C-alpha atoms as a PDB file:
ATOM      1  CA  MET A   1      23.536 -58.935 -11.868  1.00  0.00           C
ATOM      2  CA  SER A   2      22.630 -56.741  -8.888  1.00  0.00           C
ATOM      3  CA  GLU A   3      20.967 -53.351  -9.166  1.00  0.00           C
ATOM      4  CA  HIS A   4      24.146 -51.759  -7.830  1.00  0.00           C
ATOM      5  CA  ASN A   5      26.293 -53.401 -10.493  1.00  0.00           C
ATOM      6  CA  HIS A   6      23.871 -52.427 -13.239  1.00  0.00           C
ATOM      7  CA  ALA A   7      23.831 -48.812 -12.037  1.00  0.00           C
ATOM      8  CA  HIS A   8      27.633 -48.751 -11.913  1.00  0.00           C
ATOM      9  CA  ARG A   9      27.857 -50.180 -15.418  1.00  0.00           C
ATOM     10  CA  ALA A  10      25.313 -47.649 -16.696  1.00  0.00           C
ATOM     11  CA  ALA A  11      27.229 -44.724 -15.175  1.00  0.00           C
ATOM     12  CA  ALA A  12      30.494 -45.938 -16.689  1.00  0.00           C
ATOM     13  CA  GLY A  13      28.787 -46.454 -20.040  1.00  0.00           C
ATOM     14  CA  ALA A  14      27.374 -42.932 -19.946  1.00  0.00           C
ATOM     15  CA  ARG A  15      30.841 -41.476 -19.399  1.00  0.00           C
ATOM     16  CA  GLN A  16      32.278 -43.511 -22.247  1.00  0.00           C
ATOM     17  CA  LEU A  17      29.512 -42.513 -24.641  1.00  0.00           C
ATOM     18  CA  THR A  18      29.746 -38.830 -23.693  1.00  0.00           C
ATOM     19  CA  LEU A  19      33.487 -38.675 -24.346  1.00  0.00           C
ATOM     20  CA  ALA A  20      33.155 -40.514 -27.654  1.00  0.00           C
ATOM     21  CA  LEU A  21      30.263 -38.261 -28.696  1.00  0.00           C
ATOM     22  CA  LEU A  22      32.248 -35.088 -27.983  1.00  0.00           C
ATOM     23  CA  LEU A  23      35.238 -36.355 -29.972  1.00  0.00           C
ATOM     24  CA  THR A  24      33.215 -37.607 -32.923  1.00  0.00           C
ATOM     25  CA  GLY A  25      30.851 -34.647 -33.095  1.00  0.00           C
ATOM     26  CA  SER A  26      33.698 -32.128 -33.063  1.00  0.00           C
ATOM     27  CA  PHE A  27      35.291 -33.788 -36.096  1.00  0.00           C
ATOM     28  CA  LEU A  28      32.149 -34.446 -38.147  1.00  0.00           C
ATOM     29  CA  VAL A  29      31.823 -31.012 -39.744  1.00  0.00           C
ATOM     30  CA  VAL A  30      35.462 -30.966 -40.825  1.00  0.00           C
ATOM     31  CA  GLU A  31      35.239 -34.356 -42.496  1.00  0.00           C
ATOM     32  CA  VAL A  32      31.993 -33.592 -44.328  1.00  0.00           C
ATOM     33  CA  VAL A  33      33.367 -30.328 -45.747  1.00  0.00           C
ATOM     34  CA  TYR A  34      36.636 -31.820 -46.908  1.00  0.00           C
ATOM     35  CA  GLY A  35      34.896 -34.903 -48.237  1.00  0.00           C
ATOM     36  CA  LEU A  36      32.815 -32.694 -50.526  1.00  0.00           C
ATOM     37  CA  LEU A  37      35.824 -30.600 -51.545  1.00  0.00           C
ATOM     38  CA  SER A  38      38.016 -33.588 -52.380  1.00  0.00           C
ATOM     39  CA  GLY A  39      35.341 -35.566 -54.227  1.00  0.00           C
ATOM     40  CA  SER A  40      36.475 -38.790 -52.547  1.00  0.00           C
ATOM     41  CA  LEU A  41      33.839 -41.493 -52.143  1.00  0.00           C
ATOM     42  CA  ALA A  42      35.979 -43.254 -49.553  1.00  0.00           C
ATOM     43  CA  LEU A  43      36.220 -40.024 -47.561  1.00  0.00           C
ATOM     44  CA  LEU A  44      32.512 -39.274 -48.024  1.00  0.00           C
ATOM     45  CA  SER A  45      31.621 -42.813 -46.957  1.00  0.00           C
ATOM     46  CA  ASP A  46      33.826 -42.308 -43.918  1.00  0.00           C
ATOM     47  CA  ALA A  47      32.041 -39.005 -43.265  1.00  0.00           C
ATOM     48  CA  GLY A  48      28.718 -40.811 -43.654  1.00  0.00           C
ATOM     49  CA  HIS A  49      29.826 -43.291 -41.021  1.00  0.00           C
ATOM     50  CA  MET A  50      30.917 -40.395 -38.836  1.00  0.00           C
ATOM     51  CA  LEU A  51      27.454 -38.841 -39.143  1.00  0.00           C
ATOM     52  CA  THR A  52      25.798 -42.108 -38.170  1.00  0.00           C
ATOM     53  CA  ASP A  53      28.329 -42.328 -35.334  1.00  0.00           C
ATOM     54  CA  VAL A  54      27.177 -39.014 -33.904  1.00  0.00           C
ATOM     55  CA  MET A  55      23.531 -40.029 -34.214  1.00  0.00           C
ATOM     56  CA  ALA A  56      24.240 -43.489 -32.795  1.00  0.00           C
ATOM     57  CA  LEU A  57      26.266 -42.184 -29.867  1.00  0.00           C
ATOM     58  CA  ALA A  58      23.640 -39.548 -29.061  1.00  0.00           C
ATOM     59  CA  LEU A  59      20.834 -42.119 -29.274  1.00  0.00           C
ATOM     60  CA  SER A  60      22.784 -44.635 -27.206  1.00  0.00           C
ATOM     61  CA  LEU A  61      23.503 -42.026 -24.537  1.00  0.00           C
ATOM     62  CA  PHE A  62      19.856 -40.944 -24.436  1.00  0.00           C
ATOM     63  CA  ALA A  63      18.699 -44.562 -24.157  1.00  0.00           C
ATOM     64  CA  LEU A  64      21.212 -45.246 -21.396  1.00  0.00           C
ATOM     65  CA  LYS A  65      20.012 -42.237 -19.426  1.00  0.00           C
ATOM     66  CA  LEU A  66      16.393 -43.245 -19.991  1.00  0.00           C
ATOM     67  CA  GLY A  67      17.197 -46.793 -18.902  1.00  0.00           C
ATOM     68  CA  GLN A  68      18.348 -45.508 -15.506  1.00  0.00           C
ATOM     69  CA  ARG A  69      14.847 -44.329 -14.655  1.00  0.00           C
ATOM     70  CA  ALA A  70      13.235 -46.320 -11.880  1.00  0.00           C
ATOM     71  CA  ALA A  71      10.449 -48.798 -12.515  1.00  0.00           C
ATOM     72  CA  ASP A  72       6.913 -47.480 -12.109  1.00  0.00           C
ATOM     73  CA  ARG A  73       3.351 -48.765 -12.309  1.00  0.00           C
ATOM     74  CA  ARG A  74       3.393 -48.774 -16.114  1.00  0.00           C
ATOM     75  CA  ARG A  75       6.982 -49.994 -16.632  1.00  0.00           C
ATOM     76  CA  THR A  76       7.482 -52.663 -13.976  1.00  0.00           C
ATOM     77  CA  PHE A  77      10.876 -53.644 -15.421  1.00  0.00           C
ATOM     78  CA  GLY A  78      11.881 -50.012 -15.739  1.00  0.00           C
ATOM     79  CA  TYR A  79      13.092 -48.426 -18.982  1.00  0.00           C
ATOM     80  CA  ARG A  80      16.179 -50.525 -19.670  1.00  0.00           C
ATOM     81  CA  ARG A  81      14.699 -51.975 -22.852  1.00  0.00           C
ATOM     82  CA  ALA A  82      15.286 -48.498 -24.346  1.00  0.00           C
ATOM     83  CA  GLU A  83      18.959 -49.461 -24.684  1.00  0.00           C
ATOM     84  CA  ILE A  84      18.006 -52.389 -26.919  1.00  0.00           C
ATOM     85  CA  LEU A  85      15.709 -50.196 -28.997  1.00  0.00           C
ATOM     86  CA  ALA A  86      18.629 -47.810 -29.538  1.00  0.00           C
ATOM     87  CA  ALA A  87      20.910 -50.684 -30.537  1.00  0.00           C
ATOM     88  CA  THR A  88      18.314 -51.901 -33.055  1.00  0.00           C
ATOM     89  CA  VAL A  89      17.868 -48.461 -34.603  1.00  0.00           C
ATOM     90  CA  ASN A  90      21.633 -47.907 -34.788  1.00  0.00           C
ATOM     91  CA  ALA A  91      22.250 -51.304 -36.369  1.00  0.00           C
ATOM     92  CA  ALA A  92      19.497 -50.783 -38.948  1.00  0.00           C
ATOM     93  CA  ALA A  93      20.859 -47.334 -39.849  1.00  0.00           C
ATOM     94  CA  LEU A  94      24.430 -48.594 -40.211  1.00  0.00           C
ATOM     95  CA  PHE A  95      23.227 -51.508 -42.335  1.00  0.00           C
ATOM     96  CA  ALA A  96      21.467 -49.047 -44.653  1.00  0.00           C
ATOM     97  CA  VAL A  97      24.633 -46.942 -44.883  1.00  0.00           C
ATOM     98  CA  GLY A  98      26.656 -50.028 -45.776  1.00  0.00           C
ATOM     99  CA  LEU A  99      24.248 -50.872 -48.605  1.00  0.00           C
ATOM    100  CA  TYR A 100      24.353 -47.284 -49.869  1.00  0.00           C
ATOM    101  CA  ILE A 101      28.156 -47.354 -49.981  1.00  0.00           C
ATOM    102  CA  LEU A 102      28.117 -50.502 -52.109  1.00  0.00           C
ATOM    103  CA  ILE A 103      25.616 -48.975 -54.524  1.00  0.00           C
ATOM    104  CA  GLU A 104      27.542 -45.707 -54.751  1.00  0.00           C
ATOM    105  CA  ALA A 105      30.817 -47.589 -55.254  1.00  0.00           C
ATOM    106  CA  TYR A 106      29.310 -49.409 -58.235  1.00  0.00           C
ATOM    107  CA  ARG A 107      28.123 -46.114 -59.693  1.00  0.00           C
ATOM    108  CA  ARG A 108      31.564 -44.531 -59.232  1.00  0.00           C
ATOM    109  CA  LEU A 109      33.216 -47.462 -60.984  1.00  0.00           C
ATOM    110  CA  GLN A 110      30.932 -46.866 -63.946  1.00  0.00           C
ATOM    111  CA  GLU A 111      31.505 -43.086 -63.897  1.00  0.00           C
ATOM    112  CA  PRO A 112      34.924 -42.297 -62.360  1.00  0.00           C
ATOM    113  CA  VAL A 113      35.329 -39.053 -60.396  1.00  0.00           C
ATOM    114  CA  ASP A 114      38.579 -37.130 -59.928  1.00  0.00           C
ATOM    115  CA  VAL A 115      39.847 -37.328 -56.368  1.00  0.00           C
ATOM    116  CA  GLN A 116      41.947 -34.697 -54.585  1.00  0.00           C
ATOM    117  CA  THR A 117      44.308 -36.753 -52.492  1.00  0.00           C
ATOM    118  CA  THR A 118      45.858 -34.072 -50.262  1.00  0.00           C
ATOM    119  CA  PRO A 119      42.741 -33.045 -48.283  1.00  0.00           C
ATOM    120  CA  MET A 120      41.624 -36.663 -48.430  1.00  0.00           C
ATOM    121  CA  LEU A 121      44.838 -37.795 -46.720  1.00  0.00           C
ATOM    122  CA  ILE A 122      44.926 -35.009 -44.120  1.00  0.00           C
ATOM    123  CA  VAL A 123      41.320 -35.409 -42.981  1.00  0.00           C
ATOM    124  CA  ALA A 124      41.450 -39.206 -42.977  1.00  0.00           C
ATOM    125  CA  THR A 125      44.538 -39.171 -40.775  1.00  0.00           C
ATOM    126  CA  ALA A 126      42.848 -36.837 -38.301  1.00  0.00           C
ATOM    127  CA  GLY A 127      39.742 -39.039 -38.425  1.00  0.00           C
ATOM    128  CA  LEU A 128      41.807 -42.118 -37.700  1.00  0.00           C
ATOM    129  CA  ILE A 129      43.183 -40.525 -34.536  1.00  0.00           C
ATOM    130  CA  ILE A 130      39.682 -39.551 -33.368  1.00  0.00           C
ATOM    131  CA  ASN A 131      38.335 -43.029 -34.094  1.00  0.00           C
ATOM    132  CA  LEU A 132      41.211 -44.746 -32.312  1.00  0.00           C
ATOM    133  CA  ILE A 133      40.531 -42.710 -29.172  1.00  0.00           C
ATOM    134  CA  SER A 134      36.764 -43.261 -29.358  1.00  0.00           C
ATOM    135  CA  ALA A 135      37.151 -46.999 -29.961  1.00  0.00           C
ATOM    136  CA  ARG A 136      39.498 -47.295 -26.996  1.00  0.00           C
ATOM    137  CA  ILE A 137      36.971 -45.488 -24.803  1.00  0.00           C
ATOM    138  CA  LEU A 138      34.098 -47.771 -25.838  1.00  0.00           C
ATOM    139  CA  THR A 139      35.951 -51.108 -25.855  1.00  0.00           C
ATOM    140  CA  GLN A 140      35.122 -52.171 -22.299  1.00  0.00           C
ATOM    141  CA  GLY A 141      31.465 -51.141 -22.398  1.00  0.00           C
ATOM    142  CA  SER A 142      30.895 -52.941 -25.708  1.00  0.00           C
ATOM    143  CA  GLN A 143      31.475 -56.281 -23.973  1.00  0.00           C
ATOM    144  CA  ASP A 144      28.567 -55.794 -21.580  1.00  0.00           C
ATOM    145  CA  SER A 145      25.933 -53.850 -23.521  1.00  0.00           C
ATOM    146  CA  LEU A 146      24.381 -54.273 -26.970  1.00  0.00           C
ATOM    147  CA  ASN A 147      23.626 -50.564 -26.854  1.00  0.00           C
ATOM    148  CA  ILE A 148      27.277 -49.573 -26.427  1.00  0.00           C
ATOM    149  CA  LYS A 149      28.337 -52.368 -28.781  1.00  0.00           C
ATOM    150  CA  SER A 150      26.243 -50.791 -31.536  1.00  0.00           C
ATOM    151  CA  ALA A 151      28.032 -47.476 -30.982  1.00  0.00           C
ATOM    152  CA  TYR A 152      31.378 -49.281 -30.831  1.00  0.00           C
ATOM    153  CA  LEU A 153      30.741 -50.975 -34.183  1.00  0.00           C
ATOM    154  CA  GLU A 154      29.881 -47.599 -35.672  1.00  0.00           C
ATOM    155  CA  VAL A 155      33.221 -46.236 -34.503  1.00  0.00           C
ATOM    156  CA  MET A 156      35.111 -49.324 -35.670  1.00  0.00           C
ATOM    157  CA  GLY A 157      33.532 -48.985 -39.103  1.00  0.00           C
ATOM    158  CA  ASP A 158      34.806 -45.413 -39.203  1.00  0.00           C
ATOM    159  CA  LEU A 159      38.237 -46.457 -37.990  1.00  0.00           C
ATOM    160  CA  LEU A 160      38.545 -48.985 -40.794  1.00  0.00           C
ATOM    161  CA  GLY A 161      37.202 -46.384 -43.199  1.00  0.00           C
ATOM    162  CA  SER A 162      39.882 -43.905 -42.159  1.00  0.00           C
ATOM    163  CA  VAL A 163      42.597 -46.507 -42.739  1.00  0.00           C
ATOM    164  CA  ALA A 164      41.146 -47.312 -46.165  1.00  0.00           C
ATOM    165  CA  VAL A 165      40.992 -43.630 -47.109  1.00  0.00           C
ATOM    166  CA  ILE A 166      44.632 -43.094 -46.103  1.00  0.00           C
ATOM    167  CA  VAL A 167      45.766 -46.099 -48.126  1.00  0.00           C
ATOM    168  CA  GLY A 168      43.600 -45.001 -51.042  1.00  0.00           C
ATOM    169  CA  ALA A 169      44.940 -41.454 -51.027  1.00  0.00           C
ATOM    170  CA  ILE A 170      48.538 -42.700 -51.136  1.00  0.00           C
ATOM    171  CA  LEU A 171      47.859 -45.224 -53.898  1.00  0.00           C
ATOM    172  CA  ILE A 172      45.896 -42.763 -56.017  1.00  0.00           C
ATOM    173  CA  ARG A 173      48.623 -40.131 -55.684  1.00  0.00           C
ATOM    174  CA  PHE A 174      51.339 -42.499 -56.898  1.00  0.00           C
ATOM    175  CA  THR A 175      49.340 -44.454 -59.478  1.00  0.00           C
ATOM    176  CA  GLY A 176      46.698 -42.007 -60.655  1.00  0.00           C
ATOM    177  CA  GLN A 177      44.118 -44.819 -60.643  1.00  0.00           C
ATOM    178  CA  SER A 178      40.847 -43.276 -59.435  1.00  0.00           C
ATOM    179  CA  TRP A 179      39.050 -46.651 -59.337  1.00  0.00           C
ATOM    180  CA  ILE A 180      40.932 -47.415 -56.118  1.00  0.00           C
ATOM    181  CA  ASP A 181      38.703 -44.988 -54.203  1.00  0.00           C
ATOM    182  CA  PRO A 182      35.303 -46.665 -54.883  1.00  0.00           C
ATOM    183  CA  VAL A 183      36.830 -50.118 -54.402  1.00  0.00           C
ATOM    184  CA  LEU A 184      38.045 -49.131 -50.947  1.00  0.00           C
ATOM    185  CA  GLY A 185      34.634 -47.636 -50.221  1.00  0.00           C
ATOM    186  CA  ALA A 186      33.017 -50.938 -51.179  1.00  0.00           C
ATOM    187  CA  LEU A 187      35.418 -52.868 -48.946  1.00  0.00           C
ATOM    188  CA  ILE A 188      34.359 -50.686 -46.019  1.00  0.00           C
ATOM    189  CA  GLY A 189      30.730 -51.517 -46.739  1.00  0.00           C
ATOM    190  CA  LEU A 190      31.490 -55.238 -46.978  1.00  0.00           C
ATOM    191  CA  TRP A 191      33.247 -55.130 -43.603  1.00  0.00           C
ATOM    192  CA  VAL A 192      30.383 -53.297 -41.931  1.00  0.00           C
ATOM    193  CA  LEU A 193      27.411 -55.305 -43.232  1.00  0.00           C
ATOM    194  CA  PRO A 194      27.954 -58.758 -41.655  1.00  0.00           C
ATOM    195  CA  ARG A 195      28.883 -57.318 -38.246  1.00  0.00           C
ATOM    196  CA  THR A 196      25.912 -54.991 -38.315  1.00  0.00           C
ATOM    197  CA  TRP A 197      23.620 -57.852 -39.320  1.00  0.00           C
ATOM    198  CA  ALA A 198      24.832 -59.909 -36.351  1.00  0.00           C
ATOM    199  CA  LEU A 199      24.170 -56.999 -33.992  1.00  0.00           C
ATOM    200  CA  LEU A 200      20.738 -56.426 -35.521  1.00  0.00           C
ATOM    201  CA  LYS A 201      19.821 -60.091 -35.017  1.00  0.00           C
ATOM    202  CA  ALA A 202      21.004 -59.999 -31.400  1.00  0.00           C
ATOM    203  CA  SER A 203      19.023 -56.870 -30.554  1.00  0.00           C
ATOM    204  CA  VAL A 204      15.887 -58.121 -32.308  1.00  0.00           C
ATOM    205  CA  ASN A 205      16.203 -61.385 -30.360  1.00  0.00           C
ATOM    206  CA  VAL A 206      16.034 -59.376 -27.126  1.00  0.00           C
ATOM    207  CA  LEU A 207      13.016 -57.414 -28.380  1.00  0.00           C
ATOM    208  CA  LEU A 208      11.277 -60.698 -29.240  1.00  0.00           C
ATOM    209  CA  GLU A 209      12.138 -61.986 -25.755  1.00  0.00           C
ATOM    210  CA  GLY A 210      14.128 -64.843 -27.221  1.00  0.00           C
ATOM    211  CA  VAL A 211      16.477 -67.033 -25.205  1.00  0.00           C
ATOM    212  CA  PRO A 212      19.704 -65.078 -24.513  1.00  0.00           C
ATOM    213  CA  GLU A 213      22.561 -65.868 -26.880  1.00  0.00           C
ATOM    214  CA  GLY A 214      24.870 -68.546 -25.555  1.00  0.00           C
ATOM    215  CA  LEU A 215      22.256 -70.046 -23.230  1.00  0.00           C
ATOM    216  CA  ASP A 216      21.094 -73.585 -24.050  1.00  0.00           C
ATOM    217  CA  LEU A 217      17.516 -73.972 -22.822  1.00  0.00           C
ATOM    218  CA  ASP A 218      17.619 -77.774 -23.051  1.00  0.00           C
ATOM    219  CA  THR A 219      20.729 -77.907 -20.861  1.00  0.00           C
ATOM    220  CA  LEU A 220      19.118 -75.575 -18.341  1.00  0.00           C
ATOM    221  CA  ARG A 221      15.989 -77.745 -18.267  1.00  0.00           C
ATOM    222  CA  ALA A 222      18.116 -80.867 -17.739  1.00  0.00           C
ATOM    223  CA  ASP A 223      19.935 -79.188 -14.837  1.00  0.00           C
ATOM    224  CA  LEU A 224      16.627 -78.319 -13.216  1.00  0.00           C
ATOM    225  CA  LEU A 225      15.279 -81.852 -13.688  1.00  0.00           C
ATOM    226  CA  ALA A 226      18.484 -83.230 -12.158  1.00  0.00           C
ATOM    227  CA  LEU A 227      17.574 -81.663  -8.804  1.00  0.00           C
ATOM    228  CA  PRO A 228      16.611 -84.492  -6.394  1.00  0.00           C
ATOM    229  CA  GLU A 229      13.375 -82.828  -5.320  1.00  0.00           C
ATOM    230  CA  VAL A 230      12.193 -81.929  -8.853  1.00  0.00           C
ATOM    231  CA  THR A 231      10.151 -84.401 -10.919  1.00  0.00           C
ATOM    232  CA  GLY A 232       8.998 -82.100 -13.706  1.00  0.00           C
ATOM    233  CA  VAL A 233       9.536 -78.699 -15.329  1.00  0.00           C
ATOM    234  CA  HIS A 234       7.198 -76.938 -17.736  1.00  0.00           C
ATOM    235  CA  ASP A 235       6.342 -73.411 -18.849  1.00  0.00           C
ATOM    236  CA  LEU A 236      10.071 -72.646 -18.776  1.00  0.00           C
ATOM    237  CA  HIS A 237      10.854 -69.200 -20.184  1.00  0.00           C
ATOM    238  CA  VAL A 238      14.146 -67.316 -20.247  1.00  0.00           C
ATOM    239  CA  TRP A 239      14.554 -63.866 -21.780  1.00  0.00           C
ATOM    240  CA  SER A 240      16.495 -60.627 -21.462  1.00  0.00           C
ATOM    241  CA  VAL A 241      15.105 -57.260 -20.458  1.00  0.00           C
ATOM    242  CA  THR A 242      18.321 -55.669 -21.668  1.00  0.00           C
ATOM    243  CA  SER A 243      21.972 -56.667 -22.073  1.00  0.00           C
ATOM    244  CA  GLY A 244      23.136 -58.684 -19.068  1.00  0.00           C
ATOM    245  CA  GLN A 245      19.750 -58.698 -17.313  1.00  0.00           C
ATOM    246  CA  HIS A 246      18.156 -62.127 -17.776  1.00  0.00           C
ATOM    247  CA  SER A 247      14.913 -63.407 -16.303  1.00  0.00           C
ATOM    248  CA  LEU A 248      13.442 -66.869 -15.811  1.00  0.00           C
ATOM    249  CA  THR A 249       9.961 -68.135 -15.073  1.00  0.00           C
ATOM    250  CA  ALA A 250       9.035 -71.805 -14.666  1.00  0.00           C
ATOM    251  CA  HIS A 251       6.503 -74.216 -13.230  1.00  0.00           C
ATOM    252  CA  VAL A 252       8.326 -76.865 -11.205  1.00  0.00           C
ATOM    253  CA  VAL A 253       6.748 -80.114 -10.034  1.00  0.00           C
ATOM    254  CA  SER A 254       8.008 -81.109  -6.584  1.00  0.00           C
ATOM    255  CA  ALA A 255       6.807 -82.510  -3.263  1.00  0.00           C
ATOM    256  CA  ALA A 256       9.523 -80.646  -1.330  1.00  0.00           C
ATOM    257  CA  SER A 257       9.005 -77.404   0.540  1.00  0.00           C
ATOM    258  CA  MET A 258       8.596 -74.295  -1.600  1.00  0.00           C
ATOM    259  CA  PRO A 259      11.535 -72.325  -0.099  1.00  0.00           C
ATOM    260  CA  LEU A 260      13.918 -75.246  -0.653  1.00  0.00           C
ATOM    261  CA  VAL A 261      12.946 -75.736  -4.300  1.00  0.00           C
ATOM    262  CA  GLN A 262      12.966 -72.007  -5.025  1.00  0.00           C
ATOM    263  CA  ARG A 263      16.452 -71.695  -3.557  1.00  0.00           C
ATOM    264  CA  GLN A 264      17.743 -74.642  -5.573  1.00  0.00           C
ATOM    265  CA  VAL A 265      16.270 -73.308  -8.807  1.00  0.00           C
ATOM    266  CA  ALA A 266      17.743 -69.868  -8.098  1.00  0.00           C
ATOM    267  CA  ASP A 267      21.171 -71.468  -7.574  1.00  0.00           C
ATOM    268  CA  ILE A 268      20.935 -73.245 -10.932  1.00  0.00           C
ATOM    269  CA  ALA A 269      19.779 -70.036 -12.624  1.00  0.00           C
ATOM    270  CA  ALA A 270      22.704 -68.112 -11.150  1.00  0.00           C
ATOM    271  CA  LYS A 271      25.100 -70.437 -12.970  1.00  0.00           C
ATOM    272  CA  TYR A 272      23.512 -69.213 -16.203  1.00  0.00           C
ATOM    273  CA  GLU A 273      23.807 -65.575 -15.090  1.00  0.00           C
ATOM    274  CA  ILE A 274      20.050 -65.294 -14.622  1.00  0.00           C
ATOM    275  CA  ASP A 275      19.327 -62.943 -11.765  1.00  0.00           C
ATOM    276  CA  HIS A 276      15.522 -62.591 -11.825  1.00  0.00           C
ATOM    277  CA  VAL A 277      13.776 -65.902 -11.099  1.00  0.00           C
ATOM    278  CA  THR A 278      10.067 -66.597 -10.644  1.00  0.00           C
ATOM    279  CA  VAL A 279       9.093 -70.189  -9.799  1.00  0.00           C
ATOM    280  CA  GLN A 280       5.654 -71.719  -9.335  1.00  0.00           C
ATOM    281  CA  ILE A 281       5.729 -74.985  -7.379  1.00  0.00           C
ATOM    282  CA  GLU A 282       3.170 -77.677  -8.291  1.00  0.00           C
ATOM    283  CA  PRO A 283       2.588 -80.918  -6.339  1.00  0.00           C
ATOM    284  CA  PRO A 284       3.205 -84.224  -8.167  1.00  0.00           C
ATOM    285  CA  GLY A 285       0.204 -85.606 -10.033  1.00  0.00           C
ATOM    286  CA  GLU A 286      -1.443 -82.252 -10.572  1.00  0.00           C
ATOM    287  CA  ALA A 287      -2.940 -82.143 -14.067  1.00  0.00           C
ATOM    288  CA  LEU A 288      -1.296 -79.753 -16.506  1.00  0.00           C
ATOM    289  CA  GLY A 289      -3.372 -77.362 -18.547  1.00  0.00           C
ATOM    290  CA  ALA A 290      -4.053 -78.313 -22.137  1.00  0.00           C
ATOM    291  CA  HIS A 291      -1.941 -75.414 -23.371  1.00  0.00           C
ATOM    292  CA  ASP A 292       1.117 -76.000 -21.191  1.00  0.00           C
ATOM    293  CA  HIS A 293       3.033 -78.008 -23.780  1.00  0.00           C
ATOM    294  CA  LEU A 294       3.012 -75.012 -26.077  1.00  0.00           C
ATOM    295  CA  HIS A 295       5.135 -73.050 -23.602  1.00  0.00           C
ATOM    296  CA  SER A 296       7.545 -75.732 -22.473  1.00  0.00           C
END
């Protein structure tokens, strides 16, 4: 991905996050107040998600802005890893919220609490509208950035929570069964946890400089070895600086000219959407270091 494309994506992502943050932040206070007044766990859990949404969106926006800073002598890759740090923090926070909701739901089932359905229904409906708009805004960016995806999952968790609260309010009003509220709250938590765990694993993989998801290192190595001029590949490393920005380094054994081999390797890497390639060419028969097998 070129620098121009990354800058364009970052600018678009910043606009999306700003709009979603304004919408979500403006509704947060209303939902918290009415959640406390109504006594609804489902509404309070939705408000808890809304609070984490505001924090997540603000953190994601800050990280995106920070990531646009140019590289310097201390940060030769720039500050784009900040986006992954934000995604990790957001995912960890949402995972903790999901666990809390499950625990609180169990407690509410043991000690039922009266729920006022009218404010619960009104606020949840308004929240659903806000979440639908925010989710629509963030949909495109979530496909390209783990940072925006973390914010998108926050919003989607809220959207589902709003739907659950609306359904719960209607059922409680007509049946009088207060246990419906904590059960719906628990269902929200169960929906959030596995998706958040997947996001957390993906962001941690980037922080650990693991192979990008969906890229098969063995297949890449085989493609490189299939080049006519290449007789060996070792010290092959592929990692991501941030979402969509992959790098490759490798030692390639070849008797061909360096520019030719470098161009061929770069062409192979491009097929794997790797845009930063560093290749060291070694002549055939040159002895490998004793440690090289550890990196291959």
